[in-house]
Amino acid sequence: LKVPMLGMIENMSFFDVQSYLLERGGPKARKLVEAGGLFEAPG
């Protein structure tokens, strides 16, 4: 249609477990996240 393409957006790319725990978790979950070491490797 000769419409210029400005770009593509990838929605629902991933579920951020750490952010979910910070946002919705209880005090123990937040403490674990803030202490670090909850996951084996970055990412």
PDB file of all heavy atoms in Angstrom:
ATOM      1  N   LEU A   1       0.814  -1.212   0.000  1.00  0.00           N
ATOM      2  CA  LEU A   1       0.000   0.000   0.000  1.00  0.00           C
ATOM      3  C   LEU A   1       0.852   1.268   0.000  1.00  0.00           C
ATOM      4  O   LEU A   1       0.321   2.374   0.084  1.00  0.00           O
ATOM      5  CB  LEU A   1      -0.928   0.009   1.227  1.00  0.00           C
ATOM      6  CG  LEU A   1      -1.990  -1.095   1.287  1.00  0.00           C
ATOM      7  CD1 LEU A   1      -2.725  -1.059   2.615  1.00  0.00           C
ATOM      8  CD2 LEU A   1      -2.973  -0.962   0.128  1.00  0.00           C
ATOM      9  N   LYS A   2       2.179   1.108  -0.086  1.00  0.00           N
ATOM     10  CA  LYS A   2       3.114   2.241  -0.125  1.00  0.00           C
ATOM     11  C   LYS A   2       3.091   3.046   1.172  1.00  0.00           C
ATOM     12  O   LYS A   2       3.276   4.276   1.170  1.00  0.00           O
ATOM     13  CB  LYS A   2       2.828   3.175  -1.310  1.00  0.00           C
ATOM     14  CG  LYS A   2       2.736   2.475  -2.660  1.00  0.00           C
ATOM     15  CD  LYS A   2       4.018   1.760  -3.025  1.00  0.00           C
ATOM     16  CE  LYS A   2       3.925   1.106  -4.398  1.00  0.00           C
ATOM     17  NZ  LYS A   2       5.101   0.257  -4.710  1.00  0.00           N
ATOM     18  N   VAL A   3       2.847   2.367   2.296  1.00  0.00           N
ATOM     19  CA  VAL A   3       2.878   3.019   3.599  1.00  0.00           C
ATOM     20  C   VAL A   3       4.246   2.736   4.233  1.00  0.00           C
ATOM     21  O   VAL A   3       4.625   1.568   4.386  1.00  0.00           O
ATOM     22  CB  VAL A   3       1.754   2.483   4.525  1.00  0.00           C
ATOM     23  CG1 VAL A   3       1.875   3.093   5.917  1.00  0.00           C
ATOM     24  CG2 VAL A   3       0.387   2.781   3.924  1.00  0.00           C
ATOM     25  N   PRO A   4       5.014   3.757   4.603  1.00  0.00           N
ATOM     26  CA  PRO A   4       6.333   3.523   5.203  1.00  0.00           C
ATOM     27  C   PRO A   4       6.232   2.711   6.489  1.00  0.00           C
ATOM     28  O   PRO A   4       5.317   2.922   7.297  1.00  0.00           O
ATOM     29  CB  PRO A   4       6.852   4.941   5.484  1.00  0.00           C
ATOM     30  CG  PRO A   4       6.074   5.828   4.568  1.00  0.00           C
ATOM     31  CD  PRO A   4       4.721   5.191   4.431  1.00  0.00           C
ATOM     32  N   MET A   5       7.154   1.783   6.690  1.00  0.00           N
ATOM     33  CA  MET A   5       7.192   0.979   7.910  1.00  0.00           C
ATOM     34  C   MET A   5       8.055   1.683   8.954  1.00  0.00           C
ATOM     35  O   MET A   5       9.256   1.855   8.767  1.00  0.00           O
ATOM     36  CB  MET A   5       7.760  -0.409   7.613  1.00  0.00           C
ATOM     37  CG  MET A   5       6.751  -1.397   7.053  1.00  0.00           C
ATOM     38  SD  MET A   5       5.305  -1.638   8.133  1.00  0.00           S
ATOM     39  CE  MET A   5       6.088  -2.048   9.687  1.00  0.00           C
ATOM     40  N   LEU A   6       7.433   2.082  10.051  1.00  0.00           N
ATOM     41  CA  LEU A   6       8.155   2.749  11.132  1.00  0.00           C
ATOM     42  C   LEU A   6       8.798   1.763  12.086  1.00  0.00           C
ATOM     43  O   LEU A   6       9.763   2.110  12.773  1.00  0.00           O
ATOM     44  CB  LEU A   6       7.208   3.666  11.907  1.00  0.00           C
ATOM     45  CG  LEU A   6       6.597   4.820  11.103  1.00  0.00           C
ATOM     46  CD1 LEU A   6       5.529   5.529  11.922  1.00  0.00           C
ATOM     47  CD2 LEU A   6       7.670   5.797  10.659  1.00  0.00           C
ATOM     48  N   GLY A   7       8.279   0.527  12.135  1.00  0.00           N
ATOM     49  CA  GLY A   7       8.919  -0.460  12.998  1.00  0.00           C
ATOM     50  C   GLY A   7       7.992  -1.549  13.489  1.00  0.00           C
ATOM     51  O   GLY A   7       6.781  -1.520  13.252  1.00  0.00           O
ATOM     52  N   MET A   8       8.608  -2.513  14.201  1.00  0.00           N
ATOM     53  CA  MET A   8       7.883  -3.620  14.819  1.00  0.00           C
ATOM     54  C   MET A   8       8.083  -3.574  16.328  1.00  0.00           C
ATOM     55  O   MET A   8       9.171  -3.243  16.814  1.00  0.00           O
ATOM     56  CB  MET A   8       8.386  -4.961  14.273  1.00  0.00           C
ATOM     57  CG  MET A   8       8.033  -5.206  12.820  1.00  0.00           C
ATOM     58  SD  MET A   8       8.735  -6.767  12.180  1.00  0.00           S
ATOM     59  CE  MET A   8       7.769  -7.978  13.106  1.00  0.00           C
ATOM     60  N   ILE A   9       7.018  -3.906  17.064  1.00  0.00           N
ATOM     61  CA  ILE A   9       7.065  -4.007  18.527  1.00  0.00           C
ATOM     62  C   ILE A   9       6.819  -5.459  18.898  1.00  0.00           C
ATOM     63  O   ILE A   9       5.869  -6.077  18.400  1.00  0.00           O
ATOM     64  CB  ILE A   9       5.988  -3.134  19.194  1.00  0.00           C
ATOM     65  CG1 ILE A   9       6.178  -1.658  18.818  1.00  0.00           C
ATOM     66  CG2 ILE A   9       6.003  -3.307  20.712  1.00  0.00           C
ATOM     67  CD1 ILE A   9       5.020  -0.768  19.251  1.00  0.00           C
ATOM     68  N   GLU A  10       7.666  -6.008  19.766  1.00  0.00           N
ATOM     69  CA  GLU A  10       7.420  -7.358  20.279  1.00  0.00           C
ATOM     70  C   GLU A  10       6.755  -7.242  21.646  1.00  0.00           C
ATOM     71  O   GLU A  10       7.377  -6.813  22.618  1.00  0.00           O
ATOM     72  CB  GLU A  10       8.727  -8.150  20.398  1.00  0.00           C
ATOM     73  CG  GLU A  10       8.480  -9.595  20.836  1.00  0.00           C
ATOM     74  CD  GLU A  10       9.753 -10.401  20.932  1.00  0.00           C
ATOM     75  OE1 GLU A  10      10.376 -10.397  22.018  1.00  0.00           O
ATOM     76  OE2 GLU A  10      10.143 -11.020  19.920  1.00  0.00           O
ATOM     77  N   ASN A  11       5.483  -7.607  21.713  1.00  0.00           N
ATOM     78  CA  ASN A  11       4.733  -7.584  22.958  1.00  0.00           C
ATOM     79  C   ASN A  11       4.774  -8.969  23.602  1.00  0.00           C
ATOM     80  O   ASN A  11       4.971  -9.969  22.922  1.00  0.00           O
ATOM     81  CB  ASN A  11       3.281  -7.158  22.687  1.00  0.00           C
ATOM     82  CG  ASN A  11       2.533  -6.794  23.953  1.00  0.00           C
ATOM     83  OD1 ASN A  11       3.132  -6.412  24.956  1.00  0.00           O
ATOM     84  ND2 ASN A  11       1.218  -6.899  23.925  1.00  0.00           N
ATOM     85  N   MET A  12       4.597  -9.014  24.929  1.00  0.00           N
ATOM     86  CA  MET A  12       4.635 -10.282  25.691  1.00  0.00           C
ATOM     87  C   MET A  12       5.963 -11.010  25.460  1.00  0.00           C
ATOM     88  O   MET A  12       6.005 -12.233  25.327  1.00  0.00           O
ATOM     89  CB  MET A  12       3.456 -11.181  25.305  1.00  0.00           C
ATOM     90  CG  MET A  12       2.104 -10.499  25.373  1.00  0.00           C
ATOM     91  SD  MET A  12       0.755 -11.629  24.974  1.00  0.00           S
ATOM     92  CE  MET A  12      -0.514 -10.469  24.442  1.00  0.00           C
ATOM     93  N   SER A  13       7.054 -10.259  25.432  1.00  0.00           N
ATOM     94  CA  SER A  13       8.363 -10.830  25.126  1.00  0.00           C
ATOM     95  C   SER A  13       8.810 -11.856  26.158  1.00  0.00           C
ATOM     96  O   SER A  13       9.392 -12.880  25.812  1.00  0.00           O
ATOM     97  CB  SER A  13       9.419  -9.718  25.037  1.00  0.00           C
ATOM     98  OG  SER A  13       9.157  -8.877  23.950  1.00  0.00           O
ATOM     99  N   PHE A  14       8.556 -11.552  27.409  1.00  0.00           N
ATOM    100  CA  PHE A  14       8.963 -12.460  28.486  1.00  0.00           C
ATOM    101  C   PHE A  14       8.169 -12.110  29.739  1.00  0.00           C
ATOM    102  O   PHE A  14       7.544 -11.048  29.808  1.00  0.00           O
ATOM    103  CB  PHE A  14      10.468 -12.345  28.763  1.00  0.00           C
ATOM    104  CG  PHE A  14      10.924 -10.950  29.087  1.00  0.00           C
ATOM    105  CD1 PHE A  14      10.881 -10.454  30.381  1.00  0.00           C
ATOM    106  CD2 PHE A  14      11.386 -10.110  28.078  1.00  0.00           C
ATOM    107  CE1 PHE A  14      11.287  -9.160  30.677  1.00  0.00           C
ATOM    108  CE2 PHE A  14      11.798  -8.814  28.358  1.00  0.00           C
ATOM    109  CZ  PHE A  14      11.748  -8.334  29.658  1.00  0.00           C
ATOM    110  N   PHE A  15       8.212 -13.004  30.706  1.00  0.00           N
ATOM    111  CA  PHE A  15       7.613 -12.745  32.010  1.00  0.00           C
ATOM    112  C   PHE A  15       8.746 -12.514  32.995  1.00  0.00           C
ATOM    113  O   PHE A  15       9.587 -13.385  33.198  1.00  0.00           O
ATOM    114  CB  PHE A  15       6.734 -13.910  32.461  1.00  0.00           C
ATOM    115  CG  PHE A  15       6.089 -13.699  33.802  1.00  0.00           C
ATOM    116  CD1 PHE A  15       5.140 -12.701  33.968  1.00  0.00           C
ATOM    117  CD2 PHE A  15       6.426 -14.474  34.890  1.00  0.00           C
ATOM    118  CE1 PHE A  15       4.542 -12.487  35.201  1.00  0.00           C
ATOM    119  CE2 PHE A  15       5.837 -14.276  36.129  1.00  0.00           C
ATOM    120  CZ  PHE A  15       4.890 -13.281  36.288  1.00  0.00           C
ATOM    121  N   ASP A  16       8.784 -11.325  33.579  1.00  0.00           N
ATOM    122  CA  ASP A  16       9.852 -10.961  34.502  1.00  0.00           C
ATOM    123  C   ASP A  16       9.463 -11.419  35.910  1.00  0.00           C
ATOM    124  O   ASP A  16       8.725 -10.746  36.622  1.00  0.00           O
ATOM    125  CB  ASP A  16      10.074  -9.447  34.461  1.00  0.00           C
ATOM    126  CG  ASP A  16      11.360  -9.033  35.167  1.00  0.00           C
ATOM    127  OD1 ASP A  16      11.795  -9.755  36.080  1.00  0.00           O
ATOM    128  OD2 ASP A  16      11.924  -7.988  34.796  1.00  0.00           O
ATOM    129  N   VAL A  17       9.982 -12.583  36.291  1.00  0.00           N
ATOM    130  CA  VAL A  17       9.618 -13.192  37.575  1.00  0.00           C
ATOM    131  C   VAL A  17      10.064 -12.304  38.735  1.00  0.00           C
ATOM    132  O   VAL A  17       9.334 -12.107  39.717  1.00  0.00           O
ATOM    133  CB  VAL A  17      10.244 -14.595  37.703  1.00  0.00           C
ATOM    134  CG1 VAL A  17       9.843 -15.234  39.032  1.00  0.00           C
ATOM    135  CG2 VAL A  17       9.836 -15.478  36.541  1.00  0.00           C
ATOM    136  N   GLN A  18      11.260 -11.750  38.635  1.00  0.00           N
ATOM    137  CA  GLN A  18      11.807 -10.930  39.715  1.00  0.00           C
ATOM    138  C   GLN A  18      10.958  -9.679  39.939  1.00  0.00           C
ATOM    139  O   GLN A  18      10.652  -9.325  41.083  1.00  0.00           O
ATOM    140  CB  GLN A  18      13.241 -10.538  39.373  1.00  0.00           C
ATOM    141  CG  GLN A  18      13.994  -9.872  40.505  1.00  0.00           C
ATOM    142  CD  GLN A  18      15.489  -9.912  40.283  1.00  0.00           C
ATOM    143  OE1 GLN A  18      16.131 -10.914  40.546  1.00  0.00           O
ATOM    144  NE2 GLN A  18      16.034  -8.830  39.771  1.00  0.00           N
ATOM    145  N   SER A  19      10.567  -9.020  38.851  1.00  0.00           N
ATOM    146  CA  SER A  19       9.717  -7.834  38.977  1.00  0.00           C
ATOM    147  C   SER A  19       8.354  -8.191  39.558  1.00  0.00           C
ATOM    148  O   SER A  19       7.785  -7.441  40.362  1.00  0.00           O
ATOM    149  CB  SER A  19       9.534  -7.170  37.605  1.00  0.00           C
ATOM    150  OG  SER A  19      10.752  -6.649  37.141  1.00  0.00           O
ATOM    151  N   TYR A  20       7.833  -9.346  39.148  1.00  0.00           N
ATOM    152  CA  TYR A  20       6.544  -9.795  39.678  1.00  0.00           C
ATOM    153  C   TYR A  20       6.618  -9.983  41.193  1.00  0.00           C
ATOM    154  O   TYR A  20       5.716  -9.576  41.935  1.00  0.00           O
ATOM    155  CB  TYR A  20       6.126 -11.094  39.007  1.00  0.00           C
ATOM    156  CG  TYR A  20       4.867 -11.704  39.581  1.00  0.00           C
ATOM    157  CD1 TYR A  20       3.620 -11.164  39.303  1.00  0.00           C
ATOM    158  CD2 TYR A  20       4.930 -12.812  40.438  1.00  0.00           C
ATOM    159  CE1 TYR A  20       2.473 -11.702  39.845  1.00  0.00           C
ATOM    160  CE2 TYR A  20       3.781 -13.364  40.972  1.00  0.00           C
ATOM    161  CZ  TYR A  20       2.554 -12.808  40.679  1.00  0.00           C
ATOM    162  OH  TYR A  20       1.419 -13.339  41.228  1.00  0.00           O
ATOM    163  N   LEU A  21       7.704 -10.601  41.662  1.00  0.00           N
ATOM    164  CA  LEU A  21       7.860 -10.821  43.108  1.00  0.00           C
ATOM    165  C   LEU A  21       7.998  -9.494  43.849  1.00  0.00           C
ATOM    166  O   LEU A  21       7.464  -9.330  44.950  1.00  0.00           O
ATOM    167  CB  LEU A  21       9.072 -11.707  43.376  1.00  0.00           C
ATOM    168  CG  LEU A  21       8.957 -13.168  42.914  1.00  0.00           C
ATOM    169  CD1 LEU A  21      10.274 -13.907  43.122  1.00  0.00           C
ATOM    170  CD2 LEU A  21       7.831 -13.888  43.656  1.00  0.00           C
ATOM    171  N   LEU A  22       8.716  -8.543  43.250  1.00  0.00           N
ATOM    172  CA  LEU A  22       8.860  -7.235  43.886  1.00  0.00           C
ATOM    173  C   LEU A  22       7.522  -6.503  43.956  1.00  0.00           C
ATOM    174  O   LEU A  22       7.225  -5.814  44.938  1.00  0.00           O
ATOM    175  CB  LEU A  22       9.866  -6.377  43.103  1.00  0.00           C
ATOM    176  CG  LEU A  22      11.344  -6.691  43.314  1.00  0.00           C
ATOM    177  CD1 LEU A  22      12.190  -5.913  42.326  1.00  0.00           C
ATOM    178  CD2 LEU A  22      11.768  -6.355  44.751  1.00  0.00           C
ATOM    179  N   GLU A  23       6.714  -6.678  42.925  1.00  0.00           N
ATOM    180  CA  GLU A  23       5.444  -5.953  42.835  1.00  0.00           C
ATOM    181  C   GLU A  23       4.335  -6.618  43.621  1.00  0.00           C
ATOM    182  O   GLU A  23       3.521  -5.945  44.258  1.00  0.00           O
ATOM    183  CB  GLU A  23       5.037  -5.839  41.362  1.00  0.00           C
ATOM    184  CG  GLU A  23       3.899  -4.877  41.102  1.00  0.00           C
ATOM    185  CD  GLU A  23       3.645  -4.686  39.622  1.00  0.00           C
ATOM    186  OE1 GLU A  23       3.572  -5.699  38.892  1.00  0.00           O
ATOM    187  OE2 GLU A  23       3.535  -3.536  39.170  1.00  0.00           O
ATOM    188  N   ARG A  24       4.295  -7.955  43.603  1.00  0.00           N
ATOM    189  CA  ARG A  24       3.158  -8.678  44.189  1.00  0.00           C
ATOM    190  C   ARG A  24       3.535  -9.597  45.353  1.00  0.00           C
ATOM    191  O   ARG A  24       2.655 -10.109  46.033  1.00  0.00           O
ATOM    192  CB  ARG A  24       2.467  -9.516  43.108  1.00  0.00           C
ATOM    193  CG  ARG A  24       1.868  -8.690  41.983  1.00  0.00           C
ATOM    194  CD  ARG A  24       0.847  -7.694  42.517  1.00  0.00           C
ATOM    195  NE  ARG A  24       0.327  -6.830  41.492  1.00  0.00           N
ATOM    196  CZ  ARG A  24      -0.742  -7.082  40.771  1.00  0.00           C
ATOM    197  NH1 ARG A  24      -1.429  -8.175  40.957  1.00  0.00           N
ATOM    198  NH2 ARG A  24      -1.131  -6.220  39.856  1.00  0.00           N
ATOM    199  N   GLY A  25       4.817  -9.836  45.534  1.00  0.00           N
ATOM    200  CA  GLY A  25       5.221 -10.765  46.594  1.00  0.00           C
ATOM    201  C   GLY A  25       5.074 -10.170  47.982  1.00  0.00           C
ATOM    202  O   GLY A  25       4.988  -8.950  48.152  1.00  0.00           O
ATOM    203  N   GLY A  26       5.075 -11.040  48.989  1.00  0.00           N
ATOM    204  CA  GLY A  26       5.026 -10.593  50.365  1.00  0.00           C
ATOM    205  C   GLY A  26       6.406 -10.148  50.843  1.00  0.00           C
ATOM    206  O   GLY A  26       7.377 -10.148  50.084  1.00  0.00           O
ATOM    207  N   PRO A  27       6.514  -9.781  52.123  1.00  0.00           N
ATOM    208  CA  PRO A  27       7.797  -9.301  52.668  1.00  0.00           C
ATOM    209  C   PRO A  27       8.943 -10.286  52.476  1.00  0.00           C
ATOM    210  O   PRO A  27      10.066  -9.886  52.163  1.00  0.00           O
ATOM    211  CB  PRO A  27       7.480  -9.093  54.153  1.00  0.00           C
ATOM    212  CG  PRO A  27       6.003  -8.879  54.213  1.00  0.00           C
ATOM    213  CD  PRO A  27       5.433  -9.725  53.116  1.00  0.00           C
ATOM    214  N   LYS A  28       8.678 -11.586  52.639  1.00  0.00           N
ATOM    215  CA  LYS A  28       9.747 -12.584  52.489  1.00  0.00           C
ATOM    216  C   LYS A  28      10.228 -12.653  51.042  1.00  0.00           C
ATOM    217  O   LYS A  28      11.436 -12.740  50.775  1.00  0.00           O
ATOM    218  CB  LYS A  28       9.249 -13.959  52.947  1.00  0.00           C
ATOM    219  CG  LYS A  28       9.049 -14.087  54.443  1.00  0.00           C
ATOM    220  CD  LYS A  28       8.622 -15.505  54.822  1.00  0.00           C
ATOM    221  CE  LYS A  28       8.435 -15.631  56.339  1.00  0.00           C
ATOM    222  NZ  LYS A  28       7.995 -17.001  56.700  1.00  0.00           N
ATOM    223  N   ALA A  29       9.285 -12.615  50.095  1.00  0.00           N
ATOM    224  CA  ALA A  29       9.649 -12.675  48.674  1.00  0.00           C
ATOM    225  C   ALA A  29      10.474 -11.452  48.283  1.00  0.00           C
ATOM    226  O   ALA A  29      11.492 -11.568  47.595  1.00  0.00           O
ATOM    227  CB  ALA A  29       8.390 -12.763  47.818  1.00  0.00           C
ATOM    228  N   ARG A  30      10.037 -10.266  48.738  1.00  0.00           N
ATOM    229  CA  ARG A  30      10.775  -9.051  48.408  1.00  0.00           C
ATOM    230  C   ARG A  30      12.175  -9.081  49.008  1.00  0.00           C
ATOM    231  O   ARG A  30      13.151  -8.651  48.383  1.00  0.00           O
ATOM    232  CB  ARG A  30      10.012  -7.822  48.926  1.00  0.00           C
ATOM    233  CG  ARG A  30       8.707  -7.551  48.195  1.00  0.00           C
ATOM    234  CD  ARG A  30       8.218  -6.132  48.487  1.00  0.00           C
ATOM    235  NE  ARG A  30       6.920  -5.894  47.878  1.00  0.00           N
ATOM    236  CZ  ARG A  30       5.771  -5.939  48.532  1.00  0.00           C
ATOM    237  NH1 ARG A  30       5.747  -6.237  49.820  1.00  0.00           N
ATOM    238  NH2 ARG A  30       4.627  -5.700  47.906  1.00  0.00           N
ATOM    239  N   LYS A  31      12.280  -9.594  50.229  1.00  0.00           N
ATOM    240  CA  LYS A  31      13.582  -9.663  50.892  1.00  0.00           C
ATOM    241  C   LYS A  31      14.530 -10.573  50.128  1.00  0.00           C
ATOM    242  O   LYS A  31      15.718 -10.273  49.963  1.00  0.00           O
ATOM    243  CB  LYS A  31      13.390 -10.169  52.324  1.00  0.00           C
ATOM    244  CG  LYS A  31      14.627 -10.026  53.195  1.00  0.00           C
ATOM    245  CD  LYS A  31      14.315 -10.400  54.636  1.00  0.00           C
ATOM    246  CE  LYS A  31      15.563 -10.242  55.506  1.00  0.00           C
ATOM    247  NZ  LYS A  31      15.297 -10.598  56.920  1.00  0.00           N
ATOM    248  N   LEU A  32      14.014 -11.700  49.627  1.00  0.00           N
ATOM    249  CA  LEU A  32      14.833 -12.625  48.841  1.00  0.00           C
ATOM    250  C   LEU A  32      15.329 -11.976  47.550  1.00  0.00           C
ATOM    251  O   LEU A  32      16.496 -12.126  47.177  1.00  0.00           O
ATOM    252  CB  LEU A  32      14.028 -13.884  48.507  1.00  0.00           C
ATOM    253  CG  LEU A  32      13.870 -14.926  49.616  1.00  0.00           C
ATOM    254  CD1 LEU A  32      12.863 -15.986  49.205  1.00  0.00           C
ATOM    255  CD2 LEU A  32      15.219 -15.565  49.931  1.00  0.00           C
ATOM    256  N   VAL A  33      14.434 -11.243  46.890  1.00  0.00           N
ATOM    257  CA  VAL A  33      14.812 -10.585  45.635  1.00  0.00           C
ATOM    258  C   VAL A  33      15.871  -9.519  45.890  1.00  0.00           C
ATOM    259  O   VAL A  33      16.881  -9.434  45.182  1.00  0.00           O
ATOM    260  CB  VAL A  33      13.574  -9.954  44.955  1.00  0.00           C
ATOM    261  CG1 VAL A  33      14.004  -9.108  43.756  1.00  0.00           C
ATOM    262  CG2 VAL A  33      12.602 -11.032  44.513  1.00  0.00           C
ATOM    263  N   GLU A  34      15.647  -8.703  46.918  1.00  0.00           N
ATOM    264  CA  GLU A  34      16.577  -7.617  47.213  1.00  0.00           C
ATOM    265  C   GLU A  34      17.934  -8.138  47.672  1.00  0.00           C
ATOM    266  O   GLU A  34      18.958  -7.495  47.441  1.00  0.00           O
ATOM    267  CB  GLU A  34      15.971  -6.694  48.274  1.00  0.00           C
ATOM    268  CG  GLU A  34      14.791  -5.879  47.739  1.00  0.00           C
ATOM    269  CD  GLU A  34      13.946  -5.266  48.838  1.00  0.00           C
ATOM    270  OE1 GLU A  34      14.264  -5.490  50.034  1.00  0.00           O
ATOM    271  OE2 GLU A  34      12.960  -4.575  48.502  1.00  0.00           O
ATOM    272  N   ALA A  35      17.958  -9.306  48.297  1.00  0.00           N
ATOM    273  CA  ALA A  35      19.231  -9.890  48.757  1.00  0.00           C
ATOM    274  C   ALA A  35      20.049 -10.437  47.593  1.00  0.00           C
ATOM    275  O   ALA A  35      21.264 -10.574  47.687  1.00  0.00           O
ATOM    276  CB  ALA A  35      18.961 -10.990  49.779  1.00  0.00           C
ATOM    277  N   GLY A  36      19.367 -10.744  46.484  1.00  0.00           N
ATOM    278  CA  GLY A  36      20.069 -11.278  45.318  1.00  0.00           C
ATOM    279  C   GLY A  36      20.322 -12.772  45.462  1.00  0.00           C
ATOM    280  O   GLY A  36      20.069 -13.391  46.506  1.00  0.00           O
ATOM    281  N   GLY A  37      20.835 -13.362  44.405  1.00  0.00           N
ATOM    282  CA  GLY A  37      21.149 -14.791  44.438  1.00  0.00           C
ATOM    283  C   GLY A  37      19.947 -15.687  44.302  1.00  0.00           C
ATOM    284  O   GLY A  37      20.049 -16.905  44.525  1.00  0.00           O
ATOM    285  N   LEU A  38      18.800 -15.119  43.922  1.00  0.00           N
ATOM    286  CA  LEU A  38      17.586 -15.915  43.786  1.00  0.00           C
ATOM    287  C   LEU A  38      17.645 -16.801  42.540  1.00  0.00           C
ATOM    288  O   LEU A  38      17.030 -17.861  42.491  1.00  0.00           O
ATOM    289  CB  LEU A  38      16.375 -14.984  43.726  1.00  0.00           C
ATOM    290  CG  LEU A  38      14.996 -15.576  43.984  1.00  0.00           C
ATOM    291  CD1 LEU A  38      14.921 -16.163  45.383  1.00  0.00           C
ATOM    292  CD2 LEU A  38      13.921 -14.509  43.821  1.00  0.00           C
ATOM    293  N   PHE A  39      18.410 -16.347  41.533  1.00  0.00           N
ATOM    294  CA  PHE A  39      18.533 -17.103  40.286  1.00  0.00           C
ATOM    295  C   PHE A  39      19.997 -17.441  40.030  1.00  0.00           C
ATOM    296  O   PHE A  39      20.897 -16.701  40.432  1.00  0.00           O
ATOM    297  CB  PHE A  39      17.961 -16.284  39.118  1.00  0.00           C
ATOM    298  CG  PHE A  39      16.505 -15.936  39.290  1.00  0.00           C
ATOM    299  CD1 PHE A  39      16.133 -14.730  39.875  1.00  0.00           C
ATOM    300  CD2 PHE A  39      15.515 -16.821  38.892  1.00  0.00           C
ATOM    301  CE1 PHE A  39      14.801 -14.405  40.048  1.00  0.00           C
ATOM    302  CE2 PHE A  39      14.181 -16.499  39.064  1.00  0.00           C
ATOM    303  CZ  PHE A  39      13.819 -15.299  39.642  1.00  0.00           C
ATOM    304  N   GLU A  40      20.216 -18.540  39.331  1.00  0.00           N
ATOM    305  CA  GLU A  40      21.580 -19.020  39.117  1.00  0.00           C
ATOM    306  C   GLU A  40      22.416 -18.085  38.275  1.00  0.00           C
ATOM    307  O   GLU A  40      23.576 -17.826  38.564  1.00  0.00           O
ATOM    308  CB  GLU A  40      21.547 -20.414  38.463  1.00  0.00           C
ATOM    309  CG  GLU A  40      21.364 -21.541  39.456  1.00  0.00           C
ATOM    310  CD  GLU A  40      21.670 -22.880  38.838  1.00  0.00           C
ATOM    311  OE1 GLU A  40      22.459 -22.933  37.878  1.00  0.00           O
ATOM    312  OE2 GLU A  40      21.121 -23.869  39.325  1.00  0.00           O
ATOM    313  N   ALA A  41      21.857 -17.597  37.189  1.00  0.00           N
ATOM    314  CA  ALA A  41      22.625 -16.754  36.264  1.00  0.00           C
ATOM    315  C   ALA A  41      21.819 -15.529  35.887  1.00  0.00           C
ATOM    316  O   ALA A  41      20.582 -15.554  35.905  1.00  0.00           O
ATOM    317  CB  ALA A  41      22.985 -17.556  35.009  1.00  0.00           C
ATOM    318  N   PRO A  42      22.497 -14.410  35.536  1.00  0.00           N
ATOM    319  CA  PRO A  42      21.777 -13.221  35.076  1.00  0.00           C
ATOM    320  C   PRO A  42      20.911 -13.549  33.863  1.00  0.00           C
ATOM    321  O   PRO A  42      21.343 -14.220  32.934  1.00  0.00           O
ATOM    322  CB  PRO A  42      22.920 -12.260  34.686  1.00  0.00           C
ATOM    323  CG  PRO A  42      24.103 -12.718  35.469  1.00  0.00           C
ATOM    324  CD  PRO A  42      23.957 -14.208  35.585  1.00  0.00           C
ATOM    325  N   GLY A  43      19.686 -13.081  33.903  1.00  0.00           N
ATOM    326  CA  GLY A  43      18.743 -13.360  32.823  1.00  0.00           C
ATOM    327  C   GLY A  43      17.780 -14.487  33.142  1.00  0.00           C
ATOM    328  O   GLY A  43      16.746 -14.627  32.480  1.00  0.00           O
TER     329      GLY A  43
END
